[in-house]
N, C-alpha and C. Protein backbone atom coordinates (compact mmCIF):
# COMPACT_ATOMS: atom_id res chain seq x y z
N MET A 1 -28.12 -2.24 6.94
CA MET A 1 -27.56 -2.28 5.68
C MET A 1 -27.83 -0.77 5.16
N GLU A 2 -28.83 -0.37 5.09
CA GLU A 2 -29.33 1.06 4.52
C GLU A 2 -28.30 2.10 4.97
N VAL A 3 -27.97 2.04 6.22
CA VAL A 3 -27.10 3.07 6.75
C VAL A 3 -25.69 3.14 6.07
N GLY A 4 -25.19 2.00 5.88
CA GLY A 4 -23.74 1.70 5.35
C GLY A 4 -23.89 2.12 3.70
N TYR A 5 -24.94 1.92 3.14
CA TYR A 5 -25.13 2.31 1.81
C TYR A 5 -25.21 3.75 1.55
N LYS A 6 -26.01 4.41 2.53
CA LYS A 6 -25.95 5.90 2.50
C LYS A 6 -24.79 6.42 2.68
N GLY A 7 -23.99 5.83 3.67
CA GLY A 7 -22.77 6.25 3.98
C GLY A 7 -21.64 6.36 2.64
N ILE A 8 -21.70 5.23 2.04
CA ILE A 8 -20.99 5.14 0.89
C ILE A 8 -21.50 5.99 -0.23
N ALA A 9 -22.76 6.12 -0.34
CA ALA A 9 -23.36 7.01 -1.44
C ALA A 9 -23.02 8.37 -1.11
N THR A 10 -22.95 8.80 -0.03
CA THR A 10 -22.54 10.12 0.48
C THR A 10 -21.06 10.50 0.14
N THR A 11 -20.29 9.65 0.51
CA THR A 11 -18.80 9.71 0.23
C THR A 11 -18.57 9.81 -1.22
N VAL A 12 -19.19 9.04 -2.25
CA VAL A 12 -19.03 9.00 -3.61
C VAL A 12 -19.61 10.31 -4.22
N ARG A 13 -20.63 11.00 -3.66
CA ARG A 13 -21.15 12.20 -4.13
C ARG A 13 -20.44 13.26 -3.64
N GLU A 14 -19.93 13.20 -2.53
CA GLU A 14 -19.23 14.42 -1.86
C GLU A 14 -17.79 14.48 -2.39
N ARG A 15 -17.09 13.47 -2.66
CA ARG A 15 -15.70 13.58 -3.07
C ARG A 15 -15.50 14.45 -4.00
N ARG A 16 -14.43 15.26 -4.10
CA ARG A 16 -14.01 16.10 -5.04
C ARG A 16 -12.44 15.98 -5.28
N THR A 17 -12.08 16.38 -6.44
CA THR A 17 -10.60 16.52 -6.78
C THR A 17 -10.15 17.60 -6.11
N ILE A 18 -8.95 17.51 -5.33
CA ILE A 18 -8.36 18.62 -4.57
C ILE A 18 -6.97 18.98 -5.25
N ASN A 19 -6.83 20.23 -5.55
CA ASN A 19 -5.65 20.64 -6.06
C ASN A 19 -4.85 21.47 -4.99
N ASP A 20 -5.59 21.80 -3.98
CA ASP A 20 -5.07 22.94 -3.07
C ASP A 20 -4.87 22.29 -1.67
N PHE A 21 -3.60 21.87 -1.28
CA PHE A 21 -3.25 21.26 -0.05
C PHE A 21 -2.89 22.22 1.05
N ASN A 22 -2.97 21.71 2.21
CA ASN A 22 -2.73 22.84 3.30
C ASN A 22 -1.22 22.69 3.94
N GLY A 23 -0.45 21.77 3.23
CA GLY A 23 0.81 21.45 3.65
C GLY A 23 1.15 20.46 4.83
N GLN A 24 -0.04 20.01 5.65
CA GLN A 24 0.04 19.04 6.74
C GLN A 24 0.51 17.80 6.14
N PRO A 25 1.72 17.23 6.77
CA PRO A 25 2.00 15.84 6.40
C PRO A 25 1.19 14.78 6.50
N VAL A 26 1.06 13.68 5.52
CA VAL A 26 0.40 12.62 5.73
C VAL A 26 1.23 11.47 6.13
N SER A 27 1.10 10.69 7.14
CA SER A 27 2.06 9.82 7.66
C SER A 27 2.07 8.61 6.85
N LYS A 28 3.16 8.06 6.89
CA LYS A 28 3.44 6.67 6.17
C LYS A 28 2.34 5.87 6.48
N GLU A 29 2.08 5.64 7.83
CA GLU A 29 1.16 4.47 8.47
C GLU A 29 -0.16 4.83 7.80
N VAL A 30 -0.87 6.02 7.65
CA VAL A 30 -1.86 6.45 7.04
C VAL A 30 -2.08 6.09 5.53
N LEU A 31 -0.87 6.27 4.91
CA LEU A 31 -0.65 5.89 3.54
C LEU A 31 -0.84 4.28 3.28
N ILE A 32 -0.17 3.78 4.07
CA ILE A 32 -0.12 2.24 3.97
C ILE A 32 -1.64 1.69 4.24
N GLU A 33 -2.21 2.30 5.30
CA GLU A 33 -3.55 1.79 5.61
C GLU A 33 -4.61 2.16 4.42
N LEU A 34 -4.38 3.26 3.71
CA LEU A 34 -5.19 3.58 2.61
C LEU A 34 -4.99 2.73 1.52
N LEU A 35 -3.59 2.30 1.08
CA LEU A 35 -3.33 1.45 0.12
C LEU A 35 -3.76 -0.06 0.34
N ASN A 36 -3.48 -0.38 1.65
CA ASN A 36 -4.23 -1.89 1.96
C ASN A 36 -5.50 -1.95 1.84
N ASP A 37 -6.49 -1.03 2.04
CA ASP A 37 -7.74 -1.00 1.70
C ASP A 37 -8.14 -0.88 0.18
N ALA A 38 -7.36 -0.13 -0.43
CA ALA A 38 -7.51 0.08 -1.80
C ALA A 38 -7.33 -0.92 -2.65
N VAL A 39 -6.32 -1.85 -2.43
CA VAL A 39 -6.16 -2.92 -3.15
C VAL A 39 -7.16 -4.05 -3.32
N TRP A 40 -8.22 -3.82 -2.53
CA TRP A 40 -9.34 -4.73 -2.46
C TRP A 40 -10.22 -4.39 -3.73
N ALA A 41 -9.67 -3.50 -4.69
CA ALA A 41 -10.35 -3.51 -6.15
C ALA A 41 -10.43 -4.65 -6.88
N PRO A 42 -11.37 -4.94 -7.65
CA PRO A 42 -11.48 -6.12 -8.35
C PRO A 42 -10.52 -6.35 -9.54
N PHE A 43 -10.08 -7.34 -9.80
CA PHE A 43 -9.05 -7.75 -10.96
C PHE A 43 -9.35 -9.05 -11.47
N HIS A 44 -9.18 -9.28 -12.79
CA HIS A 44 -9.34 -10.35 -13.48
C HIS A 44 -8.40 -11.49 -13.45
N SER A 45 -7.15 -11.03 -13.40
CA SER A 45 -5.86 -11.92 -13.60
C SER A 45 -5.60 -12.64 -12.42
N LYS A 46 -4.76 -13.58 -12.30
CA LYS A 46 -4.41 -14.39 -11.15
C LYS A 46 -3.52 -13.71 -10.13
N THR A 47 -2.95 -12.76 -10.55
CA THR A 47 -2.26 -11.78 -9.73
C THR A 47 -2.63 -10.38 -9.80
N GLU A 48 -2.33 -9.75 -8.75
CA GLU A 48 -2.87 -8.20 -8.82
C GLU A 48 -1.93 -7.43 -9.73
N PRO A 49 -2.49 -6.71 -10.83
CA PRO A 49 -1.81 -6.15 -11.81
C PRO A 49 -0.98 -4.72 -11.42
N TRP A 50 -1.15 -4.23 -10.23
CA TRP A 50 -0.65 -2.93 -9.91
C TRP A 50 0.61 -3.07 -9.13
N ARG A 51 1.39 -1.88 -9.10
CA ARG A 51 2.40 -1.62 -8.27
C ARG A 51 2.66 -0.02 -8.10
N PHE A 52 3.28 0.32 -6.87
CA PHE A 52 3.21 1.67 -6.55
C PHE A 52 4.65 2.19 -6.42
N ILE A 53 4.86 3.45 -6.79
CA ILE A 53 6.01 4.16 -6.28
C ILE A 53 5.48 5.39 -5.59
N LEU A 54 5.78 5.52 -4.39
CA LEU A 54 5.39 6.71 -3.45
C LEU A 54 6.65 7.68 -3.18
N PHE A 55 6.27 8.95 -3.41
CA PHE A 55 7.33 9.81 -3.11
C PHE A 55 6.79 10.72 -1.87
N HIS A 56 7.55 10.76 -0.72
CA HIS A 56 7.02 11.26 0.61
C HIS A 56 8.24 12.04 1.26
N GLY A 57 8.03 13.10 1.90
CA GLY A 57 9.08 13.63 2.65
C GLY A 57 10.06 14.09 1.70
N ASP A 58 11.40 14.04 1.99
CA ASP A 58 12.55 14.38 1.11
C ASP A 58 12.55 13.66 -0.19
N GLY A 59 11.85 12.70 -0.40
CA GLY A 59 11.63 11.74 -1.60
C GLY A 59 10.86 12.60 -2.70
N ARG A 60 10.15 13.48 -2.21
CA ARG A 60 9.53 14.47 -3.13
C ARG A 60 10.50 15.05 -4.07
N ARG A 61 11.49 15.32 -3.77
CA ARG A 61 12.51 16.07 -4.51
C ARG A 61 12.96 15.31 -5.91
N GLN A 62 13.18 13.78 -5.59
CA GLN A 62 13.16 13.04 -6.82
C GLN A 62 12.06 13.01 -7.77
N PHE A 63 10.92 13.10 -7.29
CA PHE A 63 9.72 13.28 -8.24
C PHE A 63 9.75 14.78 -8.89
N SER A 64 10.21 15.68 -8.23
CA SER A 64 10.09 17.09 -8.74
C SER A 64 11.30 17.06 -9.88
N ASP A 65 12.30 16.73 -9.51
CA ASP A 65 13.57 16.65 -10.56
C ASP A 65 13.09 15.83 -11.84
N ALA A 66 12.48 14.75 -11.61
CA ALA A 66 12.06 14.13 -12.79
C ALA A 66 11.09 14.66 -13.74
N VAL A 67 10.09 15.43 -13.08
CA VAL A 67 9.04 16.32 -13.87
C VAL A 67 10.08 17.23 -14.47
N LEU A 68 10.91 18.03 -13.99
CA LEU A 68 11.70 19.18 -14.45
C LEU A 68 12.42 18.70 -15.66
N ARG A 69 13.00 17.38 -15.62
CA ARG A 69 13.81 16.89 -16.49
C ARG A 69 12.98 16.70 -17.93
N THR A 70 11.79 16.87 -18.01
CA THR A 70 10.74 16.57 -18.94
C THR A 70 10.69 18.07 -19.64
N TYR A 71 10.99 19.19 -19.02
CA TYR A 71 10.80 20.39 -19.44
C TYR A 71 11.73 20.94 -20.48
N SER A 72 11.66 21.58 -21.44
CA SER A 72 12.43 22.38 -22.27
C SER A 72 13.61 23.32 -21.44
N GLN A 73 14.67 23.61 -21.77
CA GLN A 73 15.51 24.30 -20.96
C GLN A 73 14.83 25.72 -20.71
N GLU A 74 14.23 26.35 -21.75
CA GLU A 74 13.44 27.49 -21.30
C GLU A 74 12.39 27.51 -20.44
N LYS A 75 11.73 26.46 -20.53
CA LYS A 75 10.62 26.23 -19.68
C LYS A 75 11.11 25.91 -18.19
N ARG A 76 12.15 25.13 -18.10
CA ARG A 76 12.69 24.75 -16.74
C ARG A 76 13.26 26.05 -16.09
N GLU A 77 13.82 27.00 -16.76
CA GLU A 77 14.40 28.22 -16.34
C GLU A 77 13.30 29.12 -15.91
N GLN A 78 12.15 29.13 -16.54
CA GLN A 78 10.84 29.95 -16.08
C GLN A 78 10.06 29.39 -15.01
N TYR A 79 10.15 27.97 -14.88
CA TYR A 79 9.21 27.37 -13.84
C TYR A 79 9.73 26.51 -12.90
N ALA A 80 11.32 26.31 -12.83
CA ALA A 80 11.62 25.34 -11.89
C ALA A 80 11.48 25.72 -10.35
N ASP A 81 11.63 26.90 -10.10
CA ASP A 81 11.30 27.26 -8.54
C ASP A 81 10.03 26.95 -8.20
N ARG A 82 8.96 27.40 -9.13
CA ARG A 82 7.62 27.29 -8.64
C ARG A 82 7.21 25.57 -8.67
N VAL A 83 7.77 24.89 -9.74
CA VAL A 83 7.55 23.45 -9.76
C VAL A 83 8.08 22.81 -8.51
N SER A 84 9.44 23.14 -8.28
CA SER A 84 10.06 22.46 -7.04
C SER A 84 9.36 23.00 -5.76
N ASP A 85 8.95 24.12 -5.50
CA ASP A 85 8.15 24.51 -4.29
C ASP A 85 6.92 23.66 -4.28
N THR A 86 6.24 23.58 -5.35
CA THR A 86 4.94 22.95 -5.33
C THR A 86 5.24 21.52 -5.05
N TYR A 87 6.12 20.66 -5.75
CA TYR A 87 6.16 19.39 -5.56
C TYR A 87 6.89 18.87 -4.18
N CYS A 88 7.75 19.78 -3.86
CA CYS A 88 8.57 19.51 -2.54
C CYS A 88 8.22 20.02 -1.42
N ASN A 89 7.21 21.14 -1.51
CA ASN A 89 6.85 21.76 -0.14
C ASN A 89 5.37 21.71 0.14
N VAL A 90 4.51 22.06 -0.95
CA VAL A 90 3.18 22.30 -0.72
C VAL A 90 2.46 20.89 -1.04
N VAL A 91 2.49 19.93 -1.81
CA VAL A 91 2.02 18.70 -2.06
C VAL A 91 2.72 17.50 -1.16
N PRO A 92 2.16 16.99 -0.19
CA PRO A 92 2.82 16.19 0.71
C PRO A 92 3.10 14.88 0.25
N VAL A 93 2.46 14.17 -0.89
CA VAL A 93 2.71 12.91 -1.33
C VAL A 93 2.24 12.78 -2.82
N HIS A 94 3.12 12.15 -3.57
CA HIS A 94 3.27 11.82 -5.03
C HIS A 94 3.10 10.23 -5.04
N LEU A 95 2.08 9.71 -5.59
CA LEU A 95 2.02 8.32 -5.78
C LEU A 95 1.77 7.80 -7.24
N LEU A 96 2.59 7.03 -7.91
CA LEU A 96 2.45 6.53 -9.06
C LEU A 96 1.91 5.19 -8.95
N VAL A 97 0.74 5.16 -9.84
CA VAL A 97 0.04 3.71 -9.95
C VAL A 97 0.55 3.09 -11.16
N LEU A 98 0.99 1.97 -11.14
CA LEU A 98 1.56 1.21 -12.30
C LEU A 98 1.01 -0.03 -12.59
N ILE A 99 0.87 -0.32 -14.05
CA ILE A 99 0.41 -1.81 -14.42
C ILE A 99 1.65 -2.25 -15.44
N ARG A 100 1.72 -3.53 -15.48
CA ARG A 100 2.62 -3.99 -16.63
C ARG A 100 1.71 -3.73 -17.99
N GLU A 101 2.60 -3.54 -19.01
CA GLU A 101 2.03 -3.23 -20.43
C GLU A 101 1.99 -4.64 -20.97
N GLU A 102 0.90 -5.06 -21.06
CA GLU A 102 0.80 -6.46 -21.52
C GLU A 102 0.85 -6.30 -23.08
N LEU A 103 1.12 -7.55 -23.66
CA LEU A 103 1.21 -7.78 -25.14
C LEU A 103 -0.31 -8.01 -25.66
N ARG A 104 -1.10 -8.64 -24.89
CA ARG A 104 -2.43 -8.91 -25.23
C ARG A 104 -3.51 -7.82 -24.81
N GLN A 105 -4.05 -7.20 -25.81
CA GLN A 105 -4.98 -6.21 -25.58
C GLN A 105 -5.94 -6.32 -24.31
N LYS A 106 -6.57 -7.66 -24.17
CA LYS A 106 -7.51 -7.79 -23.43
C LYS A 106 -7.13 -7.78 -21.92
N GLU A 107 -5.75 -8.55 -21.79
CA GLU A 107 -5.26 -8.48 -20.44
C GLU A 107 -4.93 -6.99 -20.05
N TRP A 108 -4.23 -6.14 -20.87
CA TRP A 108 -3.97 -4.74 -20.68
C TRP A 108 -5.27 -3.93 -20.08
N GLU A 109 -6.25 -4.08 -20.96
CA GLU A 109 -7.72 -3.49 -20.60
C GLU A 109 -7.89 -3.79 -19.30
N GLU A 110 -8.02 -5.04 -18.94
CA GLU A 110 -8.44 -5.59 -17.61
C GLU A 110 -7.54 -5.04 -16.60
N ALA A 111 -6.17 -5.01 -16.91
CA ALA A 111 -5.37 -4.51 -15.66
C ALA A 111 -5.47 -2.91 -15.43
N PHE A 112 -5.78 -2.20 -16.74
CA PHE A 112 -6.10 -0.68 -16.57
C PHE A 112 -7.38 -0.32 -15.89
N ALA A 113 -8.34 -1.28 -16.26
CA ALA A 113 -9.68 -0.82 -15.47
C ALA A 113 -9.56 -1.31 -14.03
N ALA A 114 -8.85 -2.43 -13.56
CA ALA A 114 -8.67 -2.78 -12.19
C ALA A 114 -7.74 -1.59 -11.50
N ALA A 115 -6.73 -1.20 -12.09
CA ALA A 115 -5.96 0.00 -11.61
C ALA A 115 -6.82 1.19 -11.25
N SER A 116 -7.70 1.31 -12.22
CA SER A 116 -8.56 2.66 -12.29
C SER A 116 -9.50 2.59 -11.13
N ALA A 117 -10.01 1.27 -10.88
CA ALA A 117 -10.94 1.08 -9.71
C ALA A 117 -10.18 1.05 -8.41
N LEU A 118 -8.80 0.68 -8.51
CA LEU A 118 -8.05 0.79 -7.21
C LEU A 118 -7.93 2.49 -6.88
N ILE A 119 -7.81 3.15 -8.05
CA ILE A 119 -7.47 4.62 -7.77
C ILE A 119 -8.75 5.22 -7.22
N GLN A 120 -9.80 4.73 -7.77
CA GLN A 120 -11.27 5.19 -7.06
C GLN A 120 -11.45 4.85 -5.76
N ASN A 121 -11.03 3.58 -5.32
CA ASN A 121 -11.12 3.30 -4.03
C ASN A 121 -10.35 4.26 -3.08
N LEU A 122 -9.04 4.44 -3.64
CA LEU A 122 -8.05 5.17 -2.77
C LEU A 122 -8.79 6.67 -2.75
N GLN A 123 -9.26 7.16 -3.83
CA GLN A 123 -9.80 8.42 -3.62
C GLN A 123 -10.96 8.56 -2.54
N LEU A 124 -11.88 7.59 -2.51
CA LEU A 124 -12.94 7.48 -1.59
C LEU A 124 -12.21 7.29 -0.14
N LEU A 125 -11.49 6.31 0.08
CA LEU A 125 -10.98 5.94 1.48
C LEU A 125 -10.29 7.36 1.89
N ALA A 126 -9.50 8.01 0.98
CA ALA A 126 -8.83 9.03 1.53
C ALA A 126 -9.79 10.22 1.88
N TRP A 127 -10.77 10.55 1.01
CA TRP A 127 -11.70 11.51 1.29
C TRP A 127 -12.31 11.26 2.68
N GLU A 128 -12.57 10.06 3.10
CA GLU A 128 -13.21 9.85 4.47
C GLU A 128 -12.12 10.31 5.44
N ARG A 129 -10.98 10.38 5.27
CA ARG A 129 -9.93 10.88 6.20
C ARG A 129 -9.42 12.25 6.11
N LYS A 130 -10.21 12.89 5.17
CA LYS A 130 -10.16 14.39 4.96
C LYS A 130 -8.77 14.63 4.27
N ILE A 131 -8.40 13.51 3.34
CA ILE A 131 -7.22 13.77 2.49
C ILE A 131 -7.68 13.77 0.97
N GLY A 132 -7.19 14.94 0.47
CA GLY A 132 -7.59 15.03 -0.93
C GLY A 132 -6.65 14.36 -1.95
N VAL A 133 -7.16 13.97 -3.09
CA VAL A 133 -6.37 13.46 -4.27
C VAL A 133 -6.89 14.09 -5.41
N VAL A 134 -5.71 14.45 -6.27
CA VAL A 134 -6.02 14.71 -7.60
C VAL A 134 -5.11 13.72 -8.58
N TRP A 135 -5.88 13.18 -9.45
CA TRP A 135 -5.39 11.99 -10.23
C TRP A 135 -4.99 12.77 -11.68
N LYS A 136 -3.78 12.70 -12.05
CA LYS A 136 -3.14 13.28 -13.10
C LYS A 136 -2.59 12.18 -14.08
N THR A 137 -2.89 12.51 -15.33
CA THR A 137 -2.19 11.62 -16.36
C THR A 137 -1.51 12.70 -17.34
N ASN A 138 -0.71 13.34 -16.91
CA ASN A 138 0.08 14.19 -17.63
C ASN A 138 1.06 13.62 -18.62
N ASP A 139 1.43 14.41 -19.57
CA ASP A 139 2.57 13.82 -20.71
C ASP A 139 3.51 13.25 -20.19
N TYR A 140 4.07 13.88 -19.01
CA TYR A 140 5.38 13.47 -18.42
C TYR A 140 5.28 12.01 -17.99
N ASN A 141 4.09 11.41 -17.77
CA ASN A 141 4.01 10.03 -17.39
C ASN A 141 4.55 9.14 -18.51
N GLU A 142 4.54 9.61 -19.78
CA GLU A 142 5.05 8.68 -20.92
C GLU A 142 6.57 9.04 -21.19
N ASN A 143 7.12 10.14 -20.69
CA ASN A 143 8.44 10.57 -20.96
C ASN A 143 9.47 9.77 -20.49
N SER A 144 10.50 9.19 -21.08
CA SER A 144 11.45 8.40 -20.76
C SER A 144 12.29 9.17 -19.60
N GLU A 145 12.56 10.35 -19.50
CA GLU A 145 13.25 11.04 -18.46
C GLU A 145 12.55 10.90 -17.13
N PHE A 146 11.48 11.22 -17.18
CA PHE A 146 10.41 11.07 -16.01
C PHE A 146 10.43 9.54 -15.63
N ARG A 147 10.22 8.61 -16.36
CA ARG A 147 10.06 7.24 -16.07
C ARG A 147 11.34 6.80 -15.36
N GLU A 148 12.42 7.19 -16.05
CA GLU A 148 13.61 6.87 -15.47
C GLU A 148 14.14 7.40 -14.08
N GLY A 149 13.68 8.78 -14.04
CA GLY A 149 13.80 9.42 -12.95
C GLY A 149 13.08 9.05 -11.65
N THR A 150 12.00 8.39 -11.88
CA THR A 150 11.12 8.07 -10.77
C THR A 150 11.08 6.63 -10.54
N GLY A 151 11.72 5.83 -11.34
CA GLY A 151 11.89 4.34 -11.15
C GLY A 151 10.83 3.43 -11.83
N VAL A 152 10.16 4.06 -12.82
CA VAL A 152 9.17 3.19 -13.61
C VAL A 152 9.98 2.30 -14.47
N LYS A 153 9.82 1.06 -14.44
CA LYS A 153 10.74 -0.02 -14.96
C LYS A 153 10.08 -0.18 -16.48
N PRO A 154 11.01 -0.56 -17.56
CA PRO A 154 10.49 -0.80 -18.84
C PRO A 154 9.36 -1.79 -18.74
N GLY A 155 8.53 -1.41 -19.58
CA GLY A 155 7.38 -2.46 -19.69
C GLY A 155 6.29 -2.10 -18.64
N GLU A 156 6.39 -1.02 -17.98
CA GLU A 156 5.28 -0.66 -17.08
C GLU A 156 4.55 0.67 -17.69
N LYS A 157 3.41 0.66 -17.35
CA LYS A 157 2.39 1.81 -17.97
C LYS A 157 2.03 2.60 -16.37
N VAL A 158 2.25 3.94 -16.51
CA VAL A 158 1.79 4.67 -15.38
C VAL A 158 0.25 5.02 -15.58
N VAL A 159 -0.54 4.50 -15.01
CA VAL A 159 -2.03 4.85 -14.88
C VAL A 159 -2.34 6.14 -14.47
N GLY A 160 -1.73 6.41 -13.47
CA GLY A 160 -1.97 7.55 -12.98
C GLY A 160 -0.95 8.26 -11.92
N THR A 161 -0.79 9.46 -11.83
CA THR A 161 0.13 10.22 -10.78
C THR A 161 -0.86 10.81 -9.86
N LEU A 162 -0.93 10.46 -8.70
CA LEU A 162 -1.73 10.82 -7.74
C LEU A 162 -1.15 11.90 -6.70
N HIS A 163 -1.48 13.20 -6.52
CA HIS A 163 -1.04 14.03 -5.64
C HIS A 163 -2.09 14.00 -4.65
N MET A 164 -1.49 13.80 -3.38
CA MET A 164 -2.36 13.69 -2.00
C MET A 164 -1.84 14.58 -1.09
N GLY A 165 -2.98 15.08 -0.26
CA GLY A 165 -2.72 15.80 1.01
C GLY A 165 -4.02 16.20 1.75
N TYR A 166 -3.74 16.73 2.98
CA TYR A 166 -4.85 17.38 3.72
C TYR A 166 -5.22 18.73 3.05
N PHE A 167 -6.54 19.12 3.20
CA PHE A 167 -6.91 20.18 2.61
C PHE A 167 -7.84 20.79 3.49
N ASP A 168 -8.15 22.25 2.97
CA ASP A 168 -9.19 23.17 3.88
C ASP A 168 -10.63 22.85 3.37
N PRO A 169 -11.44 22.08 4.16
CA PRO A 169 -12.77 21.86 3.59
C PRO A 169 -13.62 23.16 3.24
N LYS A 170 -13.26 24.25 3.61
CA LYS A 170 -13.88 25.46 3.22
C LYS A 170 -13.61 25.87 1.78
N LYS A 171 -12.45 25.31 1.22
CA LYS A 171 -12.04 25.49 -0.13
C LYS A 171 -12.49 24.55 -1.12
N VAL A 172 -13.36 23.59 -0.83
CA VAL A 172 -13.66 22.47 -1.76
C VAL A 172 -14.83 22.96 -2.72
N ARG A 173 -14.51 22.75 -3.86
CA ARG A 173 -15.64 23.27 -4.86
C ARG A 173 -16.69 22.52 -4.83
N ARG A 174 -17.74 23.05 -5.51
CA ARG A 174 -19.11 22.48 -5.48
C ARG A 174 -19.23 21.47 -6.52
N ALA A 175 -20.09 20.58 -6.51
CA ALA A 175 -20.10 19.50 -7.41
C ALA A 175 -20.67 20.04 -8.61
N LYS A 176 -20.24 19.59 -9.75
CA LYS A 176 -20.98 19.92 -11.20
C LYS A 176 -22.16 18.86 -11.23
N PRO A 177 -23.28 19.27 -11.76
CA PRO A 177 -24.39 18.47 -12.11
C PRO A 177 -24.04 17.22 -12.74
N ARG A 178 -24.65 16.12 -12.41
CA ARG A 178 -24.64 14.98 -13.22
C ARG A 178 -25.77 14.59 -13.97
N THR A 179 -25.59 13.93 -15.14
CA THR A 179 -26.89 13.49 -15.84
C THR A 179 -27.56 12.37 -15.07
N PRO A 180 -28.82 12.45 -14.93
CA PRO A 180 -29.52 11.47 -14.33
C PRO A 180 -29.25 10.04 -15.04
N ALA A 181 -29.11 9.09 -14.33
CA ALA A 181 -28.85 7.71 -14.88
C ALA A 181 -30.14 7.33 -15.71
N GLU A 182 -31.46 7.61 -15.23
CA GLU A 182 -32.59 7.04 -15.91
C GLU A 182 -32.63 7.85 -17.43
N THR A 183 -32.00 8.89 -17.70
CA THR A 183 -31.83 9.29 -19.01
C THR A 183 -30.79 8.58 -19.84
N LEU A 184 -29.81 8.05 -19.30
CA LEU A 184 -28.78 7.32 -19.94
C LEU A 184 -29.04 5.69 -20.29
N ILE A 185 -30.19 5.19 -19.72
CA ILE A 185 -30.44 3.75 -19.66
C ILE A 185 -31.17 3.55 -21.05
N THR A 186 -30.76 2.38 -21.46
CA THR A 186 -31.69 1.69 -22.56
C THR A 186 -32.00 0.47 -21.96
N TRP A 187 -33.46 0.48 -21.59
CA TRP A 187 -33.92 -0.71 -20.92
C TRP A 187 -34.05 -1.87 -21.76
N VAL A 188 -33.65 -3.04 -21.50
CA VAL A 188 -33.98 -4.23 -22.10
C VAL A 188 -34.57 -5.13 -21.04
N ASP A 189 -35.93 -5.29 -20.90
CA ASP A 189 -36.39 -6.14 -19.82
C ASP A 189 -37.46 -7.18 -20.39
N SER A 190 -37.50 -7.30 -21.57
CA SER A 190 -38.58 -8.34 -22.09
C SER A 190 -38.04 -9.06 -23.41
């Protein structure tokens, strides 16, 4: 038992956000395996609260175009080539993680928390396969042009846009220090 815990603890501590991908494609099979394991995140509802839209291969153009539609004309003229190159050539995968926008606050919070746990599962599982992930919550996630261009349905919330790909381990940043848990605990034990 102890060996497994140490392996998980090491993965949790060593995982980093990756913004610099090496361009090597990630196969559909690997992506499906990762998602099939990630969906084992806990959820409170009777049904799993998430849905995915995955942009891979030539489908990345649709993602790039949807992002560019959220830019002003001036910004689009200035950045279109760089954005297109990054989203269509450099980053191998774009994944939208979606939940339903519930009318009841408690259900929405539970779905959001569950989807966040799923994203963390995915980040850790991907890291073990040397696939990096950056979890973005950009303004374009709420933009109607982006949502329509990517296939987000009315009544859905984008919990995160995940950019994924293989990376050069030599370029991974060092960890920032964390506050020791014992300094954050209020003990109530009697």
